[in-house]
Amino acid sequence: MARIRGIDIVLINKKKVGTDAFHAPIYEDIEKVVNNVLVAPASSDDIVDSMNLYGKKAIYVLAIPKGDDNIWEGQEVKFFGQKFRVFGKELEGIDHLIPLSWNKKVWVEAYE
């Protein structure tokens, strides 16, 4: 029997590095590779729920591995050669009650 294995995705965090002449913050992108992330197309229920809750259309659902301590909400991610933005809250389960390697779920929308 084959084991389930996710893909590597790039999580892009924004780090404040200063302010411009108008006192607006300047951010630098910091890319971090996250291993073993499951990517699934959003179901029709996920699409309807995301439209009703956030007004955004979920394209994919990401399953995040246990032990990950990154902040996902509002961040950009890259996979399949495209850029996406995470929206909504992370849904997190209790580690020892979930038998597989993933315990968080986030929605992503297309982003250019």
PDB file of N, CA and C in Angstrom:
ATOM      1  N   MET A   1       0.846  -1.176   0.000  1.00  0.00           N
ATOM      2  CA  MET A   1       0.000   0.000   0.000  1.00  0.00           C
ATOM      3  C   MET A   1       0.893   1.241   0.000  1.00  0.00           C
ATOM      4  N   ALA A   2       0.586   2.198  -0.854  1.00  0.00           N
ATOM      5  CA  ALA A   2       1.374   3.425  -0.964  1.00  0.00           C
ATOM      6  C   ALA A   2       0.975   4.410   0.128  1.00  0.00           C
ATOM      7  N   ARG A   3       1.949   5.156   0.599  1.00  0.00           N
ATOM      8  CA  ARG A   3       1.678   6.195   1.595  1.00  0.00           C
ATOM      9  C   ARG A   3       1.244   7.466   0.896  1.00  0.00           C
ATOM     10  N   ILE A   4       0.396   8.215   1.559  1.00  0.00           N
ATOM     11  CA  ILE A   4      -0.024   9.514   1.038  1.00  0.00           C
ATOM     12  C   ILE A   4       1.111  10.494   1.292  1.00  0.00           C
ATOM     13  N   ARG A   5       1.448  11.258   0.275  1.00  0.00           N
ATOM     14  CA  ARG A   5       2.536  12.236   0.396  1.00  0.00           C
ATOM     15  C   ARG A   5       2.093  13.523  -0.267  1.00  0.00           C
ATOM     16  N   GLY A   6       2.295  14.641   0.410  1.00  0.00           N
ATOM     17  CA  GLY A   6       1.949  15.944  -0.139  1.00  0.00           C
ATOM     18  C   GLY A   6       3.071  16.504  -0.993  1.00  0.00           C
ATOM     19  N   ILE A   7       2.880  17.734  -1.443  1.00  0.00           N
ATOM     20  CA  ILE A   7       3.876  18.413  -2.265  1.00  0.00           C
ATOM     21  C   ILE A   7       4.538  19.524  -1.451  1.00  0.00           C
ATOM     22  N   ASP A   8       5.634  20.035  -1.987  1.00  0.00           N
ATOM     23  CA  ASP A   8       6.291  21.191  -1.381  1.00  0.00           C
ATOM     24  C   ASP A   8       5.659  22.451  -1.949  1.00  0.00           C
ATOM     25  N   ILE A   9       5.279  23.374  -1.080  1.00  0.00           N
ATOM     26  CA  ILE A   9       4.758  24.657  -1.535  1.00  0.00           C
ATOM     27  C   ILE A   9       5.594  25.768  -0.911  1.00  0.00           C
ATOM     28  N   VAL A  10       5.519  26.946  -1.500  1.00  0.00           N
ATOM     29  CA  VAL A  10       6.260  28.098  -0.991  1.00  0.00           C
ATOM     30  C   VAL A  10       5.276  29.020  -0.280  1.00  0.00           C
ATOM     31  N   LEU A  11       5.528  29.277   0.988  1.00  0.00           N
ATOM     32  CA  LEU A  11       4.739  30.206   1.786  1.00  0.00           C
ATOM     33  C   LEU A  11       5.479  31.535   1.794  1.00  0.00           C
ATOM     34  N   ILE A  12       4.794  32.606   1.404  1.00  0.00           N
ATOM     35  CA  ILE A  12       5.419  33.926   1.320  1.00  0.00           C
ATOM     36  C   ILE A  12       4.927  34.774   2.486  1.00  0.00           C
ATOM     37  N   ASN A  13       5.831  35.058   3.414  1.00  0.00           N
ATOM     38  CA  ASN A  13       5.525  35.918   4.559  1.00  0.00           C
ATOM     39  C   ASN A  13       5.978  37.331   4.260  1.00  0.00           C
ATOM     40  N   LYS A  14       5.261  38.293   4.776  1.00  0.00           N
ATOM     41  CA  LYS A  14       5.618  39.709   4.625  1.00  0.00           C
ATOM     42  C   LYS A  14       6.297  40.177   5.908  1.00  0.00           C
ATOM     43  N   LYS A  15       7.487  40.765   5.762  1.00  0.00           N
ATOM     44  CA  LYS A  15       8.217  41.302   6.909  1.00  0.00           C
ATOM     45  C   LYS A  15       8.384  42.795   6.718  1.00  0.00           C
ATOM     46  N   LYS A  16       7.992  43.558   7.724  1.00  0.00           N
ATOM     47  CA  LYS A  16       8.114  45.013   7.648  1.00  0.00           C
ATOM     48  C   LYS A  16       9.586  45.391   7.783  1.00  0.00           C
ATOM     49  N   VAL A  17      10.084  46.143   6.800  1.00  0.00           N
ATOM     50  CA  VAL A  17      11.500  46.523   6.811  1.00  0.00           C
ATOM     51  C   VAL A  17      11.701  48.023   6.964  1.00  0.00           C
ATOM     52  N   GLY A  18      10.620  48.784   7.004  1.00  0.00           N
ATOM     53  CA  GLY A  18      10.752  50.223   7.167  1.00  0.00           C
ATOM     54  C   GLY A  18       9.500  50.943   6.712  1.00  0.00           C
ATOM     55  N   THR A  19       9.646  52.258   6.519  1.00  0.00           N
ATOM     56  CA  THR A  19       8.540  53.068   6.021  1.00  0.00           C
ATOM     57  C   THR A  19       9.051  53.972   4.912  1.00  0.00           C
ATOM     58  N   ASP A  20       8.141  54.369   4.034  1.00  0.00           N
ATOM     59  CA  ASP A  20       8.520  55.273   2.951  1.00  0.00           C
ATOM     60  C   ASP A  20       8.348  56.726   3.400  1.00  0.00           C
ATOM     61  N   ALA A  21       8.507  57.651   2.459  1.00  0.00           N
ATOM     62  CA  ALA A  21       8.435  59.084   2.778  1.00  0.00           C
ATOM     63  C   ALA A  21       7.060  59.507   3.293  1.00  0.00           C
ATOM     64  N   PHE A  22       6.020  58.739   2.950  1.00  0.00           N
ATOM     65  CA  PHE A  22       4.662  59.052   3.392  1.00  0.00           C
ATOM     66  C   PHE A  22       4.266  58.239   4.626  1.00  0.00           C
ATOM     67  N   HIS A  23       5.245  57.611   5.260  1.00  0.00           N
ATOM     68  CA  HIS A  23       5.061  56.807   6.476  1.00  0.00           C
ATOM     69  C   HIS A  23       4.207  55.563   6.243  1.00  0.00           C
ATOM     70  N   ALA A  24       4.139  55.113   5.007  1.00  0.00           N
ATOM     71  CA  ALA A  24       3.477  53.845   4.706  1.00  0.00           C
ATOM     72  C   ALA A  24       4.506  52.729   4.892  1.00  0.00           C
ATOM     73  N   PRO A  25       4.087  51.593   5.430  1.00  0.00           N
ATOM     74  CA  PRO A  25       5.053  50.515   5.673  1.00  0.00           C
ATOM     75  C   PRO A  25       5.597  49.920   4.371  1.00  0.00           C
ATOM     76  N   ILE A  26       6.858  49.522   4.411  1.00  0.00           N
ATOM     77  CA  ILE A  26       7.501  48.824   3.300  1.00  0.00           C
ATOM     78  C   ILE A  26       7.736  47.391   3.761  1.00  0.00           C
ATOM     79  N   TYR A  27       7.320  46.434   2.934  1.00  0.00           N
ATOM     80  CA  TYR A  27       7.439  45.029   3.292  1.00  0.00           C
ATOM     81  C   TYR A  27       8.390  44.312   2.349  1.00  0.00           C
ATOM     82  N   GLU A  28       9.048  43.294   2.893  1.00  0.00           N
ATOM     83  CA  GLU A  28       9.914  42.426   2.112  1.00  0.00           C
ATOM     84  C   GLU A  28       9.294  41.029   2.130  1.00  0.00           C
ATOM     85  N   ASP A  29       9.306  40.354   0.977  1.00  0.00           N
ATOM     86  CA  ASP A  29       8.786  38.991   0.902  1.00  0.00           C
ATOM     87  C   ASP A  29       9.851  38.011   1.383  1.00  0.00           C
ATOM     88  N   ILE A  30       9.456  37.131   2.284  1.00  0.00           N
ATOM     89  CA  ILE A  30      10.337  36.073   2.760  1.00  0.00           C
ATOM     90  C   ILE A  30       9.688  34.748   2.379  1.00  0.00           C
ATOM     91  N   GLU A  31      10.369  33.998   1.516  1.00  0.00           N
ATOM     92  CA  GLU A  31       9.822  32.731   1.034  1.00  0.00           C
ATOM     93  C   GLU A  31      10.322  31.578   1.902  1.00  0.00           C
ATOM     94  N   LYS A  32       9.392  30.709   2.262  1.00  0.00           N
ATOM     95  CA  LYS A  32       9.722  29.537   3.067  1.00  0.00           C
ATOM     96  C   LYS A  32       9.052  28.325   2.438  1.00  0.00           C
ATOM     97  N   VAL A  33       9.813  27.265   2.217  1.00  0.00           N
ATOM     98  CA  VAL A  33       9.260  26.039   1.641  1.00  0.00           C
ATOM     99  C   VAL A  33       8.646  25.208   2.764  1.00  0.00           C
ATOM    100  N   VAL A  34       7.401  24.802   2.551  1.00  0.00           N
ATOM    101  CA  VAL A  34       6.701  23.939   3.502  1.00  0.00           C
ATOM    102  C   VAL A  34       6.503  22.593   2.815  1.00  0.00           C
ATOM    103  N   ASN A  35       6.996  21.542   3.435  1.00  0.00           N
ATOM    104  CA  ASN A  35       6.951  20.201   2.852  1.00  0.00           C
ATOM    105  C   ASN A  35       5.656  19.475   3.205  1.00  0.00           C
ATOM    106  N   ASN A  36       5.302  18.520   2.355  1.00  0.00           N
ATOM    107  CA  ASN A  36       4.225  17.563   2.630  1.00  0.00           C
ATOM    108  C   ASN A  36       2.860  18.224   2.837  1.00  0.00           C
ATOM    109  N   VAL A  37       2.503  19.161   1.976  1.00  0.00           N
ATOM    110  CA  VAL A  37       1.192  19.816   2.031  1.00  0.00           C
ATOM    111  C   VAL A  37       0.282  19.145   1.005  1.00  0.00           C
ATOM    112  N   LEU A  38      -0.885  18.715   1.444  1.00  0.00           N
ATOM    113  CA  LEU A  38      -1.859  18.139   0.517  1.00  0.00           C
ATOM    114  C   LEU A  38      -2.640  19.262  -0.147  1.00  0.00           C
ATOM    115  N   VAL A  39      -2.848  19.143  -1.451  1.00  0.00           N
ATOM    116  CA  VAL A  39      -3.597  20.138  -2.212  1.00  0.00           C
ATOM    117  C   VAL A  39      -4.759  19.419  -2.881  1.00  0.00           C
ATOM    118  N   ALA A  40      -5.970  19.922  -2.651  1.00  0.00           N
ATOM    119  CA  ALA A  40      -7.162  19.321  -3.254  1.00  0.00           C
ATOM    120  C   ALA A  40      -8.031  20.427  -3.839  1.00  0.00           C
ATOM    121  N   PRO A  41      -8.685  20.161  -4.963  1.00  0.00           N
ATOM    122  CA  PRO A  41      -9.630  21.153  -5.492  1.00  0.00           C
ATOM    123  C   PRO A  41     -10.752  21.379  -4.486  1.00  0.00           C
ATOM    124  N   ALA A  42     -11.212  22.605  -4.399  1.00  0.00           N
ATOM    125  CA  ALA A  42     -12.309  22.916  -3.482  1.00  0.00           C
ATOM    126  C   ALA A  42     -13.586  22.233  -3.960  1.00  0.00           C
ATOM    127  N   SER A  43     -14.328  21.655  -3.031  1.00  0.00           N
ATOM    128  CA  SER A  43     -15.604  21.027  -3.373  1.00  0.00           C
ATOM    129  C   SER A  43     -16.654  22.112  -3.604  1.00  0.00           C
ATOM    130  N   SER A  44     -17.767  21.731  -4.172  1.00  0.00           N
ATOM    131  CA  SER A  44     -18.829  22.718  -4.405  1.00  0.00           C
ATOM    132  C   SER A  44     -19.334  23.289  -3.079  1.00  0.00           C
ATOM    133  N   ASP A  45     -19.366  22.479  -2.022  1.00  0.00           N
ATOM    134  CA  ASP A  45     -19.754  22.980  -0.696  1.00  0.00           C
ATOM    135  C   ASP A  45     -18.748  24.003  -0.176  1.00  0.00           C
ATOM    136  N   ASP A  46     -17.450  23.731  -0.372  1.00  0.00           N
ATOM    137  CA  ASP A  46     -16.412  24.681   0.055  1.00  0.00           C
ATOM    138  C   ASP A  46     -16.547  26.003  -0.687  1.00  0.00           C
ATOM    139  N   ILE A  47     -16.836  25.943  -1.976  1.00  0.00           N
ATOM    140  CA  ILE A  47     -16.972  27.165  -2.781  1.00  0.00           C
ATOM    141  C   ILE A  47     -18.153  27.993  -2.292  1.00  0.00           C
ATOM    142  N   VAL A  48     -19.300  27.338  -2.073  1.00  0.00           N
ATOM    143  CA  VAL A  48     -20.495  28.044  -1.593  1.00  0.00           C
ATOM    144  C   VAL A  48     -20.244  28.631  -0.206  1.00  0.00           C
ATOM    145  N   ASP A  49     -19.649  27.838   0.686  1.00  0.00           N
ATOM    146  CA  ASP A  49     -19.366  28.325   2.044  1.00  0.00           C
ATOM    147  C   ASP A  49     -18.414  29.511   2.028  1.00  0.00           C
ATOM    148  N   SER A  50     -17.358  29.441   1.222  1.00  0.00           N
ATOM    149  CA  SER A  50     -16.392  30.548   1.187  1.00  0.00           C
ATOM    150  C   SER A  50     -17.017  31.807   0.602  1.00  0.00           C
ATOM    151  N   MET A  51     -17.900  31.651  -0.390  1.00  0.00           N
ATOM    152  CA  MET A  51     -18.586  32.822  -0.958  1.00  0.00           C
ATOM    153  C   MET A  51     -19.527  33.442   0.071  1.00  0.00           C
ATOM    154  N   ASN A  52     -20.247  32.607   0.809  1.00  0.00           N
ATOM    155  CA  ASN A  52     -21.176  33.121   1.817  1.00  0.00           C
ATOM    156  C   ASN A  52     -20.456  33.768   2.998  1.00  0.00           C
ATOM    157  N   LEU A  53     -19.358  33.170   3.447  1.00  0.00           N
ATOM    158  CA  LEU A  53     -18.658  33.669   4.630  1.00  0.00           C
ATOM    159  C   LEU A  53     -17.725  34.840   4.343  1.00  0.00           C
ATOM    160  N   TYR A  54     -16.992  34.769   3.225  1.00  0.00           N
ATOM    161  CA  TYR A  54     -15.925  35.744   2.977  1.00  0.00           C
ATOM    162  C   TYR A  54     -16.079  36.526   1.678  1.00  0.00           C
ATOM    163  N   GLY A  55     -17.003  36.118   0.813  1.00  0.00           N
ATOM    164  CA  GLY A  55     -17.152  36.786  -0.477  1.00  0.00           C
ATOM    165  C   GLY A  55     -16.020  36.466  -1.432  1.00  0.00           C
ATOM    166  N   LYS A  56     -15.302  35.380  -1.198  1.00  0.00           N
ATOM    167  CA  LYS A  56     -14.179  34.968  -2.039  1.00  0.00           C
ATOM    168  C   LYS A  56     -14.399  33.536  -2.486  1.00  0.00           C
ATOM    169  N   LYS A  57     -13.901  33.217  -3.677  1.00  0.00           N
ATOM    170  CA  LYS A  57     -14.104  31.881  -4.227  1.00  0.00           C
ATOM    171  C   LYS A  57     -12.894  31.000  -3.936  1.00  0.00           C
ATOM    172  N   ALA A  58     -13.113  29.957  -3.153  1.00  0.00           N
ATOM    173  CA  ALA A  58     -12.045  29.005  -2.847  1.00  0.00           C
ATOM    174  C   ALA A  58     -11.733  28.189  -4.096  1.00  0.00           C
ATOM    175  N   ILE A  59     -10.454  28.116  -4.449  1.00  0.00           N
ATOM    176  CA  ILE A  59     -10.014  27.327  -5.599  1.00  0.00           C
ATOM    177  C   ILE A  59      -9.472  25.977  -5.132  1.00  0.00           C
ATOM    178  N   TYR A  60      -8.604  26.017  -4.128  1.00  0.00           N
ATOM    179  CA  TYR A  60      -8.017  24.803  -3.564  1.00  0.00           C
ATOM    180  C   TYR A  60      -8.159  24.817  -2.047  1.00  0.00           C
ATOM    181  N   VAL A  61      -8.082  23.625  -1.475  1.00  0.00           N
ATOM    182  CA  VAL A  61      -8.019  23.450  -0.029  1.00  0.00           C
ATOM    183  C   VAL A  61      -6.658  22.830   0.272  1.00  0.00           C
ATOM    184  N   LEU A  62      -5.926  23.435   1.209  1.00  0.00           N
ATOM    185  CA  LEU A  62      -4.618  22.917   1.595  1.00  0.00           C
ATOM    186  C   LEU A  62      -4.717  22.238   2.949  1.00  0.00           C
ATOM    187  N   ALA A  63      -4.132  21.049   3.062  1.00  0.00           N
ATOM    188  CA  ALA A  63      -4.020  20.352   4.345  1.00  0.00           C
ATOM    189  C   ALA A  63      -2.584  20.531   4.821  1.00  0.00           C
ATOM    190  N   ILE A  64      -2.427  21.143   5.982  1.00  0.00           N
ATOM    191  CA  ILE A  64      -1.125  21.513   6.519  1.00  0.00           C
ATOM    192  C   ILE A  64      -0.646  20.424   7.481  1.00  0.00           C
ATOM    193  N   PRO A  65       0.629  20.020   7.398  1.00  0.00           N
ATOM    194  CA  PRO A  65       1.121  18.945   8.262  1.00  0.00           C
ATOM    195  C   PRO A  65       1.134  19.309   9.746  1.00  0.00           C
ATOM    196  N   LYS A  66       1.037  18.286  10.568  1.00  0.00           N
ATOM    197  CA  LYS A  66       1.114  18.469  12.020  1.00  0.00           C
ATOM    198  C   LYS A  66       2.466  19.072  12.384  1.00  0.00           C
ATOM    199  N   GLY A  67       2.476  19.889  13.419  1.00  0.00           N
ATOM    200  CA  GLY A  67       3.716  20.486  13.893  1.00  0.00           C
ATOM    201  C   GLY A  67       4.094  21.774  13.187  1.00  0.00           C
ATOM    202  N   ASP A  68       3.334  22.177  12.189  1.00  0.00           N
ATOM    203  CA  ASP A  68       3.631  23.417  11.472  1.00  0.00           C
ATOM    204  C   ASP A  68       3.190  24.598  12.329  1.00  0.00           C
ATOM    205  N   ASP A  69       4.085  25.581  12.494  1.00  0.00           N
ATOM    206  CA  ASP A  69       3.752  26.735  13.327  1.00  0.00           C
ATOM    207  C   ASP A  69       3.735  28.042  12.543  1.00  0.00           C
ATOM    208  N   ASN A  70       3.652  27.951  11.224  1.00  0.00           N
ATOM    209  CA  ASN A  70       3.583  29.156  10.393  1.00  0.00           C
ATOM    210  C   ASN A  70       2.224  29.826  10.517  1.00  0.00           C
ATOM    211  N   ILE A  71       2.201  31.123  10.253  1.00  0.00           N
ATOM    212  CA  ILE A  71       0.943  31.862  10.179  1.00  0.00           C
ATOM    213  C   ILE A  71       0.480  31.795   8.731  1.00  0.00           C
ATOM    214  N   TRP A  72      -0.695  31.249   8.490  1.00  0.00           N
ATOM    215  CA  TRP A  72      -1.197  31.043   7.134  1.00  0.00           C
ATOM    216  C   TRP A  72      -2.217  32.090   6.725  1.00  0.00           C
ATOM    217  N   GLU A  73      -2.961  32.597   7.661  1.00  0.00           N
ATOM    218  CA  GLU A  73      -4.063  33.511   7.349  1.00  0.00           C
ATOM    219  C   GLU A  73      -3.559  34.779   6.651  1.00  0.00           C
ATOM    220  N   GLY A  74      -4.097  35.053   5.458  1.00  0.00           N
ATOM    221  CA  GLY A  74      -3.753  36.257   4.712  1.00  0.00           C
ATOM    222  C   GLY A  74      -2.430  36.197   3.970  1.00  0.00           C
ATOM    223  N   GLN A  75      -1.734  35.061   4.005  1.00  0.00           N
ATOM    224  CA  GLN A  75      -0.430  34.941   3.350  1.00  0.00           C
ATOM    225  C   GLN A  75      -0.593  34.483   1.903  1.00  0.00           C
ATOM    226  N   GLU A  76       0.457  34.684   1.128  1.00  0.00           N
ATOM    227  CA  GLU A  76       0.496  34.194  -0.246  1.00  0.00           C
ATOM    228  C   GLU A  76       1.226  32.858  -0.263  1.00  0.00           C
ATOM    229  N   VAL A  77       0.816  31.984  -1.192  1.00  0.00           N
ATOM    230  CA  VAL A  77       1.482  30.700  -1.388  1.00  0.00           C
ATOM    231  C   VAL A  77       1.688  30.477  -2.879  1.00  0.00           C
ATOM    232  N   LYS A  78       2.734  29.707  -3.203  1.00  0.00           N
ATOM    233  CA  LYS A  78       3.002  29.365  -4.596  1.00  0.00           C
ATOM    234  C   LYS A  78       3.097  27.854  -4.735  1.00  0.00           C
ATOM    235  N   PHE A  79       2.355  27.327  -5.702  1.00  0.00           N
ATOM    236  CA  PHE A  79       2.459  25.924  -6.084  1.00  0.00           C
ATOM    237  C   PHE A  79       1.829  25.774  -7.458  1.00  0.00           C
ATOM    238  N   PHE A  80       2.150  24.702  -8.146  1.00  0.00           N
ATOM    239  CA  PHE A  80       1.687  24.454  -9.516  1.00  0.00           C
ATOM    240  C   PHE A  80       2.051  25.605 -10.450  1.00  0.00           C
ATOM    241  N   GLY A  81       3.110  26.348 -10.135  1.00  0.00           N
ATOM    242  CA  GLY A  81       3.543  27.456 -10.980  1.00  0.00           C
ATOM    243  C   GLY A  81       2.659  28.685 -10.913  1.00  0.00           C
ATOM    244  N   GLN A  82       1.776  28.763  -9.919  1.00  0.00           N
ATOM    245  CA  GLN A  82       0.867  29.898  -9.775  1.00  0.00           C
ATOM    246  C   GLN A  82       0.939  30.437  -8.352  1.00  0.00           C
ATOM    247  N   LYS A  83       0.403  31.639  -8.177  1.00  0.00           N
ATOM    248  CA  LYS A  83       0.379  32.274  -6.865  1.00  0.00           C
ATOM    249  C   LYS A  83      -1.069  32.329  -6.369  1.00  0.00           C
ATOM    250  N   PHE A  84      -1.260  32.021  -5.092  1.00  0.00           N
ATOM    251  CA  PHE A  84      -2.572  32.019  -4.463  1.00  0.00           C
ATOM    252  C   PHE A  84      -2.484  32.775  -3.146  1.00  0.00           C
ATOM    253  N   ARG A  85      -3.653  33.181  -2.620  1.00  0.00           N
ATOM    254  CA  ARG A  85      -3.702  33.848  -1.318  1.00  0.00           C
ATOM    255  C   ARG A  85      -4.608  33.036  -0.391  1.00  0.00           C
ATOM    256  N   VAL A  86      -4.124  32.815   0.818  1.00  0.00           N
ATOM    257  CA  VAL A  86      -4.899  32.114   1.840  1.00  0.00           C
ATOM    258  C   VAL A  86      -5.905  33.095   2.424  1.00  0.00           C
ATOM    259  N   PHE A  87      -7.145  32.655   2.597  1.00  0.00           N
ATOM    260  CA  PHE A  87      -8.145  33.507   3.240  1.00  0.00           C
ATOM    261  C   PHE A  87      -8.936  32.686   4.244  1.00  0.00           C
ATOM    262  N   GLY A  88      -9.563  33.386   5.165  1.00  0.00           N
ATOM    263  CA  GLY A  88     -10.344  32.717   6.202  1.00  0.00           C
ATOM    264  C   GLY A  88      -9.454  32.220   7.329  1.00  0.00           C
ATOM    265  N   LYS A  89     -10.074  31.607   8.280  1.00  0.00           N
ATOM    266  CA  LYS A  89      -9.373  31.080   9.454  1.00  0.00           C
ATOM    267  C   LYS A  89      -8.825  29.690   9.170  1.00  0.00           C
ATOM    268  N   GLU A  90      -7.728  29.355   9.842  1.00  0.00           N
ATOM    269  CA  GLU A  90      -7.213  27.992   9.793  1.00  0.00           C
ATOM    270  C   GLU A  90      -8.164  27.098  10.582  1.00  0.00           C
ATOM    271  N   LEU A  91      -8.524  25.973  10.016  1.00  0.00           N
ATOM    272  CA  LEU A  91      -9.302  24.986  10.756  1.00  0.00           C
ATOM    273  C   LEU A  91      -8.315  23.951  11.274  1.00  0.00           C
ATOM    274  N   GLU A  92      -8.224  23.831  12.591  1.00  0.00           N
ATOM    275  CA  GLU A  92      -7.217  22.945  13.180  1.00  0.00           C
ATOM    276  C   GLU A  92      -7.881  21.888  14.041  1.00  0.00           C
ATOM    277  N   GLY A  93      -7.441  20.647  13.856  1.00  0.00           N
ATOM    278  CA  GLY A  93      -7.929  19.543  14.663  1.00  0.00           C
ATOM    279  C   GLY A  93      -6.964  19.234  15.794  1.00  0.00           C
ATOM    280  N   ILE A  94      -7.354  18.320  16.653  1.00  0.00           N
ATOM    281  CA  ILE A  94      -6.515  17.905  17.780  1.00  0.00           C
ATOM    282  C   ILE A  94      -5.562  16.822  17.279  1.00  0.00           C
ATOM    283  N   ASP A  95      -4.261  17.068  17.442  1.00  0.00           N
ATOM    284  CA  ASP A  95      -3.227  16.200  16.866  1.00  0.00           C
ATOM    285  C   ASP A  95      -3.434  14.715  17.155  1.00  0.00           C
ATOM    286  N   HIS A  96      -3.585  14.363  18.412  1.00  0.00           N
ATOM    287  CA  HIS A  96      -3.622  12.940  18.760  1.00  0.00           C
ATOM    288  C   HIS A  96      -4.945  12.259  18.378  1.00  0.00           C
ATOM    289  N   LEU A  97      -5.938  13.024  17.949  1.00  0.00           N
ATOM    290  CA  LEU A  97      -7.206  12.420  17.527  1.00  0.00           C
ATOM    291  C   LEU A  97      -7.295  12.244  16.012  1.00  0.00           C
ATOM    292  N   ILE A  98      -6.307  12.752  15.293  1.00  0.00           N
ATOM    293  CA  ILE A  98      -6.300  12.649  13.833  1.00  0.00           C
ATOM    294  C   ILE A  98      -5.217  11.650  13.444  1.00  0.00           C
ATOM    295  N   PRO A  99      -5.578  10.572  12.735  1.00  0.00           N
ATOM    296  CA  PRO A  99      -4.626   9.491  12.494  1.00  0.00           C
ATOM    297  C   PRO A  99      -3.547   9.794  11.451  1.00  0.00           C
ATOM    298  N   LEU A 100      -3.764  10.706  10.552  1.00  0.00           N
ATOM    299  CA  LEU A 100      -2.786  10.958   9.497  1.00  0.00           C
ATOM    300  C   LEU A 100      -1.844  12.095   9.876  1.00  0.00           C
ATOM    301  N   SER A 101      -1.074  12.576   8.917  1.00  0.00           N
ATOM    302  CA  SER A 101      -0.012  13.555   9.179  1.00  0.00           C
ATOM    303  C   SER A 101      -0.459  15.007   9.094  1.00  0.00           C
ATOM    304  N   TRP A 102      -1.743  15.275   8.854  1.00  0.00           N
ATOM    305  CA  TRP A 102      -2.204  16.651   8.651  1.00  0.00           C
ATOM    306  C   TRP A 102      -3.306  16.974   9.651  1.00  0.00           C
ATOM    307  N   ASN A 103      -3.268  18.194  10.201  1.00  0.00           N
ATOM    308  CA  ASN A 103      -4.297  18.552  11.173  1.00  0.00           C
ATOM    309  C   ASN A 103      -4.865  19.954  10.965  1.00  0.00           C
ATOM    310  N   LYS A 104      -4.420  20.666   9.933  1.00  0.00           N
ATOM    311  CA  LYS A 104      -4.957  22.001   9.645  1.00  0.00           C
ATOM    312  C   LYS A 104      -5.459  22.031   8.212  1.00  0.00           C
ATOM    313  N   LYS A 105      -6.435  22.919   7.989  1.00  0.00           N
ATOM    314  CA  LYS A 105      -6.991  23.075   6.647  1.00  0.00           C
ATOM    315  C   LYS A 105      -7.195  24.560   6.387  1.00  0.00           C
ATOM    316  N   VAL A 106      -6.784  25.025   5.202  1.00  0.00           N
ATOM    317  CA  VAL A 106      -6.999  26.416   4.802  1.00  0.00           C
ATOM    318  C   VAL A 106      -7.515  26.453   3.371  1.00  0.00           C
ATOM    319  N   TRP A 107      -8.239  27.525   3.053  1.00  0.00           N
ATOM    320  CA  TRP A 107      -8.719  27.763   1.695  1.00  0.00           C
ATOM    321  C   TRP A 107      -7.796  28.751   1.007  1.00  0.00           C
ATOM    322  N   VAL A 108      -7.620  28.594  -0.314  1.00  0.00           N
ATOM    323  CA  VAL A 108      -6.855  29.577  -1.085  1.00  0.00           C
ATOM    324  C   VAL A 108      -7.676  30.039  -2.278  1.00  0.00           C
ATOM    325  N   GLU A 109      -7.440  31.305  -2.666  1.00  0.00           N
ATOM    326  CA  GLU A 109      -8.077  31.885  -3.844  1.00  0.00           C
ATOM    327  C   GLU A 109      -6.993  32.228  -4.847  1.00  0.00           C
ATOM    328  N   ALA A 110      -7.373  32.351  -6.117  1.00  0.00           N
ATOM    329  CA  ALA A 110      -6.421  32.751  -7.151  1.00  0.00           C
ATOM    330  C   ALA A 110      -5.948  34.167  -6.865  1.00  0.00           C
ATOM    331  N   TYR A 111      -4.662  34.414  -7.124  1.00  0.00           N
ATOM    332  CA  TYR A 111      -4.071  35.716  -6.814  1.00  0.00           C
ATOM    333  C   TYR A 111      -2.994  36.014  -7.844  1.00  0.00           C
ATOM    334  N   GLU A 112      -3.021  37.231  -8.368  1.00  0.00           N
ATOM    335  CA  GLU A 112      -2.025  37.605  -9.386  1.00  0.00           C
ATOM    336  C   GLU A 112      -1.270  38.831  -8.982  1.00  0.00           C
TER     337      GLU A 112
END
